[in-house]
């Protein structure tokens, strides 16, 4: 196990809770409430500022920004472009979640436009990362049809080409900045049974990116999130109760838990 990254993850959680970063969230309408509650439970705060004219100015002052392509209506697409331009100009860390890209004719070219703006972190499943690297046609909607390791080369290429950290979600998460790579073997399959389980992780990464090095932020976010999901699953009777327990466990998890239990290689 990587004790240095476990220690850095625990430290990042402490720093996050001391600073309460404000994350601007431009995400899909299916997961807005869940994402806001996840941020609050963790110790951050969310602001769903996703309309043009407001999105750009807010990105200059936010601690971090999430751009999630889940339901990219016309107005929201303009807000994404406005916010990412402002974030790049102001140095605000931002996360791109290229949800369900591949053959979709609107979100796929938008994702390629956004990744060229050099997001701090890119988070997606294996099929989305392959499609973003133009090495695959995407998955089945929001579900991956590819293995995480199959996307490792694509993740490294995106990281090198765009100066981003790339996080590939799966049974064992893979995170790379093009030179360093970490794999995290924590988490519960119940995260895939709750709408927003993956999308909210992008917001958590944006919160951690406000207080830590991007690579360490992506690792810390993933480890913290997945350990909390394990504890929630142990208490849950199914997906419904898991969602409630998950918020409780995100609030309850301590840096010492991350240090002791993060399975980072």
C-alpha atoms as a PDB file:
ATOM      1  CA  UNK A   1       0.000   0.000   0.000  1.00  0.00           C
ATOM      2  CA  UNK A   2       1.124   3.571  -0.651  1.00  0.00           C
ATOM      3  CA  UNK A   3       1.518   5.079   2.815  1.00  0.00           C
ATOM      4  CA  UNK A   4       2.564   8.470   1.420  1.00  0.00           C
ATOM      5  CA  UNK A   5      -0.663   8.858  -0.549  1.00  0.00           C
ATOM      6  CA  UNK A   6      -2.721   7.576   2.387  1.00  0.00           C
ATOM      7  CA  UNK A   7      -1.122  10.215   4.605  1.00  0.00           C
ATOM      8  CA  UNK A   8      -1.659  12.919   1.984  1.00  0.00           C
ATOM      9  CA  UNK A   9      -5.314  11.870   1.654  1.00  0.00           C
ATOM     10  CA  UNK A  10      -5.892  12.090   5.400  1.00  0.00           C
ATOM     11  CA  UNK A  11      -4.228  15.511   5.505  1.00  0.00           C
ATOM     12  CA  UNK A  12      -6.336  16.737   2.578  1.00  0.00           C
ATOM     13  CA  UNK A  13      -9.546  15.729   4.367  1.00  0.00           C
ATOM     14  CA  UNK A  14      -8.469  17.688   7.438  1.00  0.00           C
ATOM     15  CA  UNK A  15      -7.652  20.740   5.338  1.00  0.00           C
ATOM     16  CA  UNK A  16     -10.934  20.520   3.437  1.00  0.00           C
ATOM     17  CA  UNK A  17     -12.990  20.519   6.616  1.00  0.00           C
ATOM     18  CA  UNK A  18     -11.033  23.421   8.046  1.00  0.00           C
ATOM     19  CA  UNK A  19     -11.560  25.494   4.898  1.00  0.00           C
ATOM     20  CA  UNK A  20     -15.094  24.524   3.746  1.00  0.00           C
ATOM     21  CA  UNK A  21     -14.401  25.035   0.026  1.00  0.00           C
ATOM     22  CA  UNK A  22     -17.235  26.396  -2.096  1.00  0.00           C
ATOM     23  CA  UNK A  23     -17.767  24.291  -5.203  1.00  0.00           C
ATOM     24  CA  UNK A  24     -19.642  25.653  -8.189  1.00  0.00           C
ATOM     25  CA  UNK A  25     -21.650  22.773  -9.605  1.00  0.00           C
ATOM     26  CA  UNK A  26     -22.808  22.628 -13.216  1.00  0.00           C
ATOM     27  CA  UNK A  27     -24.293  19.171 -13.367  1.00  0.00           C
ATOM     28  CA  UNK A  28     -27.236  17.183 -14.617  1.00  0.00           C
ATOM     29  CA  UNK A  29     -30.698  17.770 -13.281  1.00  0.00           C
ATOM     30  CA  UNK A  30     -31.052  14.174 -12.100  1.00  0.00           C
ATOM     31  CA  UNK A  31     -28.370  14.467  -9.410  1.00  0.00           C
ATOM     32  CA  UNK A  32     -28.369  18.102  -8.281  1.00  0.00           C
ATOM     33  CA  UNK A  33     -29.850  17.573  -4.816  1.00  0.00           C
ATOM     34  CA  UNK A  34     -27.800  14.474  -4.078  1.00  0.00           C
ATOM     35  CA  UNK A  35     -24.594  16.233  -5.121  1.00  0.00           C
ATOM     36  CA  UNK A  36     -25.334  19.239  -2.906  1.00  0.00           C
ATOM     37  CA  UNK A  37     -25.989  16.969   0.065  1.00  0.00           C
ATOM     38  CA  UNK A  38     -22.796  14.984  -0.541  1.00  0.00           C
ATOM     39  CA  UNK A  39     -20.731  18.182  -0.465  1.00  0.00           C
ATOM     40  CA  UNK A  40     -22.415  19.372   2.715  1.00  0.00           C
ATOM     41  CA  UNK A  41     -21.977  16.009   4.427  1.00  0.00           C
ATOM     42  CA  UNK A  42     -18.293  15.938   3.574  1.00  0.00           C
ATOM     43  CA  UNK A  43     -17.659  19.429   4.924  1.00  0.00           C
ATOM     44  CA  UNK A  44     -17.680  21.495   1.730  1.00  0.00           C
ATOM     45  CA  UNK A  45     -20.465  23.593   0.199  1.00  0.00           C
ATOM     46  CA  UNK A  46     -22.089  23.584  -3.218  1.00  0.00           C
ATOM     47  CA  UNK A  47     -23.527  26.361  -5.360  1.00  0.00           C
ATOM     48  CA  UNK A  48     -25.561  25.289  -8.380  1.00  0.00           C
ATOM     49  CA  UNK A  49     -24.738  28.330 -10.517  1.00  0.00           C
ATOM     50  CA  UNK A  50     -25.333  27.028 -14.019  1.00  0.00           C
ATOM     51  CA  UNK A  51     -26.812  29.795 -16.152  1.00  0.00           C
ATOM     52  CA  UNK A  52     -24.991  32.142 -18.537  1.00  0.00           C
ATOM     53  CA  UNK A  53     -23.945  35.590 -17.286  1.00  0.00           C
ATOM     54  CA  UNK A  54     -23.762  34.262 -13.711  1.00  0.00           C
ATOM     55  CA  UNK A  55     -21.623  31.164 -14.342  1.00  0.00           C
ATOM     56  CA  UNK A  56     -18.460  32.947 -15.460  1.00  0.00           C
ATOM     57  CA  UNK A  57     -18.206  35.540 -12.688  1.00  0.00           C
ATOM     58  CA  UNK A  58     -19.010  32.917 -10.057  1.00  0.00           C
ATOM     59  CA  UNK A  59     -16.254  30.602 -11.317  1.00  0.00           C
ATOM     60  CA  UNK A  60     -13.713  33.334 -10.625  1.00  0.00           C
ATOM     61  CA  UNK A  61     -14.578  33.335  -6.945  1.00  0.00           C
ATOM     62  CA  UNK A  62     -15.468  29.699  -6.286  1.00  0.00           C
ATOM     63  CA  UNK A  63     -12.966  27.380  -4.632  1.00  0.00           C
ATOM     64  CA  UNK A  64     -13.551  24.756  -7.323  1.00  0.00           C
ATOM     65  CA  UNK A  65     -15.834  23.960 -10.262  1.00  0.00           C
ATOM     66  CA  UNK A  66     -17.514  20.791 -11.522  1.00  0.00           C
ATOM     67  CA  UNK A  67     -18.699  20.515 -15.126  1.00  0.00           C
ATOM     68  CA  UNK A  68     -20.817  17.391 -15.655  1.00  0.00           C
ATOM     69  CA  UNK A  69     -22.289  16.657 -19.097  1.00  0.00           C
ATOM     70  CA  UNK A  70     -25.191  14.495 -17.921  1.00  0.00           C
ATOM     71  CA  UNK A  71     -28.072  16.612 -19.270  1.00  0.00           C
ATOM     72  CA  UNK A  72     -26.452  19.363 -21.350  1.00  0.00           C
ATOM     73  CA  UNK A  73     -29.283  21.667 -22.344  1.00  0.00           C
ATOM     74  CA  UNK A  74     -28.493  24.684 -24.511  1.00  0.00           C
ATOM     75  CA  UNK A  75     -28.379  27.225 -21.694  1.00  0.00           C
ATOM     76  CA  UNK A  76     -26.253  24.977 -19.517  1.00  0.00           C
ATOM     77  CA  UNK A  77     -23.802  24.325 -22.366  1.00  0.00           C
ATOM     78  CA  UNK A  78     -23.236  28.060 -22.686  1.00  0.00           C
ATOM     79  CA  UNK A  79     -22.739  28.278 -18.928  1.00  0.00           C
ATOM     80  CA  UNK A  80     -20.152  25.486 -19.065  1.00  0.00           C
ATOM     81  CA  UNK A  81     -18.129  27.290 -21.704  1.00  0.00           C
ATOM     82  CA  UNK A  82     -18.379  30.569 -19.815  1.00  0.00           C
ATOM     83  CA  UNK A  83     -17.439  29.053 -16.468  1.00  0.00           C
ATOM     84  CA  UNK A  84     -14.484  27.036 -17.726  1.00  0.00           C
ATOM     85  CA  UNK A  85     -13.042  30.054 -19.529  1.00  0.00           C
ATOM     86  CA  UNK A  86     -13.319  32.101 -16.336  1.00  0.00           C
ATOM     87  CA  UNK A  87     -11.920  29.297 -14.191  1.00  0.00           C
ATOM     88  CA  UNK A  88      -8.882  28.965 -16.442  1.00  0.00           C
ATOM     89  CA  UNK A  89      -8.317  32.708 -16.317  1.00  0.00           C
ATOM     90  CA  UNK A  90      -8.706  32.903 -12.529  1.00  0.00           C
ATOM     91  CA  UNK A  91      -6.830  29.709 -11.695  1.00  0.00           C
ATOM     92  CA  UNK A  92      -9.895  28.015 -10.220  1.00  0.00           C
ATOM     93  CA  UNK A  93      -9.432  24.224 -10.245  1.00  0.00           C
ATOM     94  CA  UNK A  94     -12.115  22.447 -12.208  1.00  0.00           C
ATOM     95  CA  UNK A  95     -13.296  18.931 -12.914  1.00  0.00           C
ATOM     96  CA  UNK A  96     -14.716  17.613 -16.188  1.00  0.00           C
ATOM     97  CA  UNK A  97     -17.084  14.629 -16.030  1.00  0.00           C
ATOM     98  CA  UNK A  98     -17.797  13.593 -19.657  1.00  0.00           C
ATOM     99  CA  UNK A  99     -20.964  11.648 -18.908  1.00  0.00           C
ATOM    100  CA  UNK A 100     -22.145   9.211 -21.592  1.00  0.00           C
ATOM    101  CA  UNK A 101     -19.976  10.568 -24.376  1.00  0.00           C
ATOM    102  CA  UNK A 102     -19.135   8.462 -27.396  1.00  0.00           C
ATOM    103  CA  UNK A 103     -21.625   8.532 -30.239  1.00  0.00           C
ATOM    104  CA  UNK A 104     -23.907  11.201 -28.728  1.00  0.00           C
ATOM    105  CA  UNK A 105     -23.817  14.123 -31.204  1.00  0.00           C
ATOM    106  CA  UNK A 106     -24.110  16.994 -28.692  1.00  0.00           C
ATOM    107  CA  UNK A 107     -22.179  16.021 -25.602  1.00  0.00           C
ATOM    108  CA  UNK A 108     -19.287  14.302 -27.393  1.00  0.00           C
ATOM    109  CA  UNK A 109     -17.953  17.327 -29.317  1.00  0.00           C
ATOM    110  CA  UNK A 110     -18.645  19.480 -26.252  1.00  0.00           C
ATOM    111  CA  UNK A 111     -16.479  17.161 -24.159  1.00  0.00           C
ATOM    112  CA  UNK A 112     -13.625  17.456 -26.668  1.00  0.00           C
ATOM    113  CA  UNK A 113     -13.925  21.238 -26.616  1.00  0.00           C
ATOM    114  CA  UNK A 114     -13.841  21.293 -22.823  1.00  0.00           C
ATOM    115  CA  UNK A 115     -10.946  18.879 -22.381  1.00  0.00           C
ATOM    116  CA  UNK A 116      -8.875  21.120 -24.666  1.00  0.00           C
ATOM    117  CA  UNK A 117      -9.297  23.808 -21.995  1.00  0.00           C
ATOM    118  CA  UNK A 118      -7.097  21.690 -19.701  1.00  0.00           C
ATOM    119  CA  UNK A 119      -9.318  20.692 -16.784  1.00  0.00           C
ATOM    120  CA  UNK A 120      -7.558  20.098 -13.486  1.00  0.00           C
ATOM    121  CA  UNK A 121      -9.145  16.647 -13.198  1.00  0.00           C
ATOM    122  CA  UNK A 122     -11.101  14.498 -15.633  1.00  0.00           C
ATOM    123  CA  UNK A 123     -13.329  11.877 -14.001  1.00  0.00           C
ATOM    124  CA  UNK A 124     -15.222   9.200 -15.860  1.00  0.00           C
ATOM    125  CA  UNK A 125     -15.777   5.511 -16.354  1.00  0.00           C
ATOM    126  CA  UNK A 126     -13.559   3.512 -18.683  1.00  0.00           C
ATOM    127  CA  UNK A 127     -15.797   3.856 -21.746  1.00  0.00           C
ATOM    128  CA  UNK A 128     -16.077   7.629 -21.284  1.00  0.00           C
ATOM    129  CA  UNK A 129     -12.307   8.031 -20.930  1.00  0.00           C
ATOM    130  CA  UNK A 130     -11.689   5.940 -24.044  1.00  0.00           C
ATOM    131  CA  UNK A 131     -14.203   8.040 -25.975  1.00  0.00           C
ATOM    132  CA  UNK A 132     -12.620  11.253 -24.730  1.00  0.00           C
ATOM    133  CA  UNK A 133      -9.261  10.009 -26.013  1.00  0.00           C
ATOM    134  CA  UNK A 134     -10.955   9.142 -29.348  1.00  0.00           C
ATOM    135  CA  UNK A 135     -10.118   5.492 -28.731  1.00  0.00           C
ATOM    136  CA  UNK A 136     -13.632   4.145 -28.218  1.00  0.00           C
ATOM    137  CA  UNK A 137     -17.286   4.704 -29.013  1.00  0.00           C
ATOM    138  CA  UNK A 138     -18.566   5.037 -25.444  1.00  0.00           C
ATOM    139  CA  UNK A 139     -20.548   2.732 -23.219  1.00  0.00           C
ATOM    140  CA  UNK A 140     -24.190   1.863 -22.755  1.00  0.00           C
ATOM    141  CA  UNK A 141     -25.569   5.228 -21.755  1.00  0.00           C
ATOM    142  CA  UNK A 142     -23.931   6.133 -18.460  1.00  0.00           C
ATOM    143  CA  UNK A 143     -22.696   2.555 -17.924  1.00  0.00           C
ATOM    144  CA  UNK A 144     -19.226   1.462 -18.930  1.00  0.00           C
ATOM    145  CA  UNK A 145     -18.783  -1.488 -21.246  1.00  0.00           C
ATOM    146  CA  UNK A 146     -14.992  -1.407 -20.898  1.00  0.00           C
ATOM    147  CA  UNK A 147     -12.614  -2.499 -18.165  1.00  0.00           C
ATOM    148  CA  UNK A 148     -10.701   0.120 -16.175  1.00  0.00           C
ATOM    149  CA  UNK A 149      -7.320  -1.279 -17.198  1.00  0.00           C
ATOM    150  CA  UNK A 150      -8.348  -1.104 -20.850  1.00  0.00           C
ATOM    151  CA  UNK A 151      -8.574   2.672 -20.420  1.00  0.00           C
ATOM    152  CA  UNK A 152      -5.216   3.091 -18.670  1.00  0.00           C
ATOM    153  CA  UNK A 153      -3.347   4.096 -21.825  1.00  0.00           C
ATOM    154  CA  UNK A 154      -6.086   6.521 -22.855  1.00  0.00           C
ATOM    155  CA  UNK A 155      -6.080   8.076 -19.382  1.00  0.00           C
ATOM    156  CA  UNK A 156      -2.333   8.585 -19.506  1.00  0.00           C
ATOM    157  CA  UNK A 157      -2.573  10.130 -22.978  1.00  0.00           C
ATOM    158  CA  UNK A 158      -5.265  12.603 -21.884  1.00  0.00           C
ATOM    159  CA  UNK A 159      -3.219  13.495 -18.825  1.00  0.00           C
ATOM    160  CA  UNK A 160      -0.091  14.160 -20.865  1.00  0.00           C
ATOM    161  CA  UNK A 161      -1.849  15.999 -23.685  1.00  0.00           C
ATOM    162  CA  UNK A 162      -3.941  18.297 -21.499  1.00  0.00           C
ATOM    163  CA  UNK A 163      -1.990  18.590 -18.255  1.00  0.00           C
ATOM    164  CA  UNK A 164      -4.856  16.998 -16.347  1.00  0.00           C
ATOM    165  CA  UNK A 165      -5.191  14.309 -13.727  1.00  0.00           C
ATOM    166  CA  UNK A 166      -7.461  11.550 -15.040  1.00  0.00           C
ATOM    167  CA  UNK A 167      -9.529   9.383 -12.701  1.00  0.00           C
ATOM    168  CA  UNK A 168     -11.096   6.241 -14.148  1.00  0.00           C
ATOM    169  CA  UNK A 169     -13.862   4.850 -11.948  1.00  0.00           C
ATOM    170  CA  UNK A 170     -14.518   1.140 -11.610  1.00  0.00           C
ATOM    171  CA  UNK A 171     -14.209  -1.762  -9.176  1.00  0.00           C
ATOM    172  CA  UNK A 172     -10.601  -0.639  -8.708  1.00  0.00           C
ATOM    173  CA  UNK A 173     -10.234   3.060  -9.499  1.00  0.00           C
ATOM    174  CA  UNK A 174      -7.240   4.224 -11.537  1.00  0.00           C
ATOM    175  CA  UNK A 175      -5.824   7.739 -11.213  1.00  0.00           C
ATOM    176  CA  UNK A 176      -2.963   9.126 -13.281  1.00  0.00           C
ATOM    177  CA  UNK A 177      -1.272  12.406 -14.104  1.00  0.00           C
ATOM    178  CA  UNK A 178       0.658  10.861 -16.985  1.00  0.00           C
ATOM    179  CA  UNK A 179       3.694  10.009 -14.893  1.00  0.00           C
ATOM    180  CA  UNK A 180       2.293   8.884 -11.536  1.00  0.00           C
ATOM    181  CA  UNK A 181      -0.454   6.275 -11.307  1.00  0.00           C
ATOM    182  CA  UNK A 182      -2.440   5.081  -8.304  1.00  0.00           C
ATOM    183  CA  UNK A 183      -5.038   2.358  -7.975  1.00  0.00           C
ATOM    184  CA  UNK A 184      -7.604   2.418  -5.169  1.00  0.00           C
ATOM    185  CA  UNK A 185      -9.291  -0.798  -4.105  1.00  0.00           C
ATOM    186  CA  UNK A 186     -12.030   0.573  -1.867  1.00  0.00           C
ATOM    187  CA  UNK A 187     -15.756   1.038  -2.427  1.00  0.00           C
ATOM    188  CA  UNK A 188     -19.147  -0.626  -2.571  1.00  0.00           C
ATOM    189  CA  UNK A 189     -21.078  -1.805  -5.608  1.00  0.00           C
ATOM    190  CA  UNK A 190     -24.116  -0.064  -4.124  1.00  0.00           C
ATOM    191  CA  UNK A 191     -22.652   3.219  -5.385  1.00  0.00           C
ATOM    192  CA  UNK A 192     -23.688   2.033  -8.852  1.00  0.00           C
ATOM    193  CA  UNK A 193     -27.263   1.446  -7.655  1.00  0.00           C
ATOM    194  CA  UNK A 194     -27.880   5.064  -6.607  1.00  0.00           C
ATOM    195  CA  UNK A 195     -28.396   7.811  -9.174  1.00  0.00           C
ATOM    196  CA  UNK A 196     -25.589  10.306  -8.706  1.00  0.00           C
ATOM    197  CA  UNK A 197     -23.124   7.930  -7.072  1.00  0.00           C
ATOM    198  CA  UNK A 198     -20.502   8.667  -9.707  1.00  0.00           C
ATOM    199  CA  UNK A 199     -21.537  12.220 -10.560  1.00  0.00           C
ATOM    200  CA  UNK A 200     -21.238  13.434  -6.977  1.00  0.00           C
ATOM    201  CA  UNK A 201     -17.677  12.111  -6.827  1.00  0.00           C
ATOM    202  CA  UNK A 202     -16.746  14.720  -9.436  1.00  0.00           C
ATOM    203  CA  UNK A 203     -17.945  17.456  -7.083  1.00  0.00           C
ATOM    204  CA  UNK A 204     -15.970  15.900  -4.229  1.00  0.00           C
ATOM    205  CA  UNK A 205     -12.862  15.932  -6.428  1.00  0.00           C
ATOM    206  CA  UNK A 206     -13.411  19.629  -7.110  1.00  0.00           C
ATOM    207  CA  UNK A 207     -13.619  20.258  -3.359  1.00  0.00           C
ATOM    208  CA  UNK A 208     -10.374  18.389  -2.704  1.00  0.00           C
ATOM    209  CA  UNK A 209      -8.674  20.103  -5.669  1.00  0.00           C
ATOM    210  CA  UNK A 210      -9.274  23.400  -3.872  1.00  0.00           C
ATOM    211  CA  UNK A 211      -7.018  22.301  -1.000  1.00  0.00           C
ATOM    212  CA  UNK A 212      -4.492  19.831  -2.445  1.00  0.00           C
ATOM    213  CA  UNK A 213      -2.242  18.990  -5.378  1.00  0.00           C
ATOM    214  CA  UNK A 214      -4.496  17.729  -8.208  1.00  0.00           C
ATOM    215  CA  UNK A 215      -3.158  14.163  -8.215  1.00  0.00           C
ATOM    216  CA  UNK A 216      -3.350  13.888  -4.433  1.00  0.00           C
ATOM    217  CA  UNK A 217      -6.783  15.555  -4.517  1.00  0.00           C
ATOM    218  CA  UNK A 218      -8.195  12.952  -6.907  1.00  0.00           C
ATOM    219  CA  UNK A 219      -6.742  10.146  -4.808  1.00  0.00           C
ATOM    220  CA  UNK A 220      -7.997  11.649  -1.535  1.00  0.00           C
ATOM    221  CA  UNK A 221     -11.478  12.249  -2.931  1.00  0.00           C
ATOM    222  CA  UNK A 222     -11.753   8.713  -4.258  1.00  0.00           C
ATOM    223  CA  UNK A 223     -10.406   7.053  -1.113  1.00  0.00           C
ATOM    224  CA  UNK A 224     -12.586   9.092   1.249  1.00  0.00           C
ATOM    225  CA  UNK A 225     -15.698   8.611  -0.874  1.00  0.00           C
ATOM    226  CA  UNK A 226     -15.199   4.885  -1.319  1.00  0.00           C
ATOM    227  CA  UNK A 227     -14.390   4.145   2.324  1.00  0.00           C
ATOM    228  CA  UNK A 228     -17.570   5.972   3.331  1.00  0.00           C
ATOM    229  CA  UNK A 229     -19.489   3.844   0.825  1.00  0.00           C
ATOM    230  CA  UNK A 230     -18.143   0.662   2.429  1.00  0.00           C
ATOM    231  CA  UNK A 231     -19.399   1.758   5.836  1.00  0.00           C
ATOM    232  CA  UNK A 232     -22.756   2.783   4.397  1.00  0.00           C
ATOM    233  CA  UNK A 233     -23.135  -0.577   2.664  1.00  0.00           C
ATOM    234  CA  UNK A 234     -22.483  -2.389   5.933  1.00  0.00           C
ATOM    235  CA  UNK A 235     -25.506  -0.629   7.458  1.00  0.00           C
ATOM    236  CA  UNK A 236     -27.820  -0.599   4.437  1.00  0.00           C
ATOM    237  CA  UNK A 237     -30.602  -2.985   3.495  1.00  0.00           C
ATOM    238  CA  UNK A 238     -30.618  -1.876  -0.137  1.00  0.00           C
ATOM    239  CA  UNK A 239     -30.027   1.128  -2.438  1.00  0.00           C
ATOM    240  CA  UNK A 240     -32.547   3.392  -0.705  1.00  0.00           C
ATOM    241  CA  UNK A 241     -31.161   3.063   2.786  1.00  0.00           C
ATOM    242  CA  UNK A 242     -27.624   3.050   1.375  1.00  0.00           C
ATOM    243  CA  UNK A 243     -28.083   6.593   0.017  1.00  0.00           C
ATOM    244  CA  UNK A 244     -29.118   7.856   3.447  1.00  0.00           C
ATOM    245  CA  UNK A 245     -26.355   6.005   5.282  1.00  0.00           C
ATOM    246  CA  UNK A 246     -23.816   7.202   2.723  1.00  0.00           C
ATOM    247  CA  UNK A 247     -24.453  10.840   3.611  1.00  0.00           C
ATOM    248  CA  UNK A 248     -24.119   9.949   7.283  1.00  0.00           C
ATOM    249  CA  UNK A 249     -20.833   8.143   6.699  1.00  0.00           C
ATOM    250  CA  UNK A 250     -19.379  10.999   4.633  1.00  0.00           C
ATOM    251  CA  UNK A 251     -20.119  13.254   7.589  1.00  0.00           C
ATOM    252  CA  UNK A 252     -18.707  10.735  10.068  1.00  0.00           C
ATOM    253  CA  UNK A 253     -15.508   9.651   8.314  1.00  0.00           C
ATOM    254  CA  UNK A 254     -12.311  10.910   9.932  1.00  0.00           C
ATOM    255  CA  UNK A 255      -8.802  11.434   8.561  1.00  0.00           C
ATOM    256  CA  UNK A 256      -7.629   8.563  10.757  1.00  0.00           C
ATOM    257  CA  UNK A 257     -10.088   6.261   8.953  1.00  0.00           C
ATOM    258  CA  UNK A 258      -8.658   7.264   5.591  1.00  0.00           C
ATOM    259  CA  UNK A 259      -5.101   6.785   6.828  1.00  0.00           C
ATOM    260  CA  UNK A 260      -5.845   3.327   8.200  1.00  0.00           C
ATOM    261  CA  UNK A 261      -8.111   1.947   5.503  1.00  0.00           C
ATOM    262  CA  UNK A 262      -7.224   3.513   2.142  1.00  0.00           C
ATOM    263  CA  UNK A 263      -6.192   0.643  -0.131  1.00  0.00           C
ATOM    264  CA  UNK A 264      -3.926   2.639  -2.445  1.00  0.00           C
ATOM    265  CA  UNK A 265      -1.327   0.944  -4.621  1.00  0.00           C
END
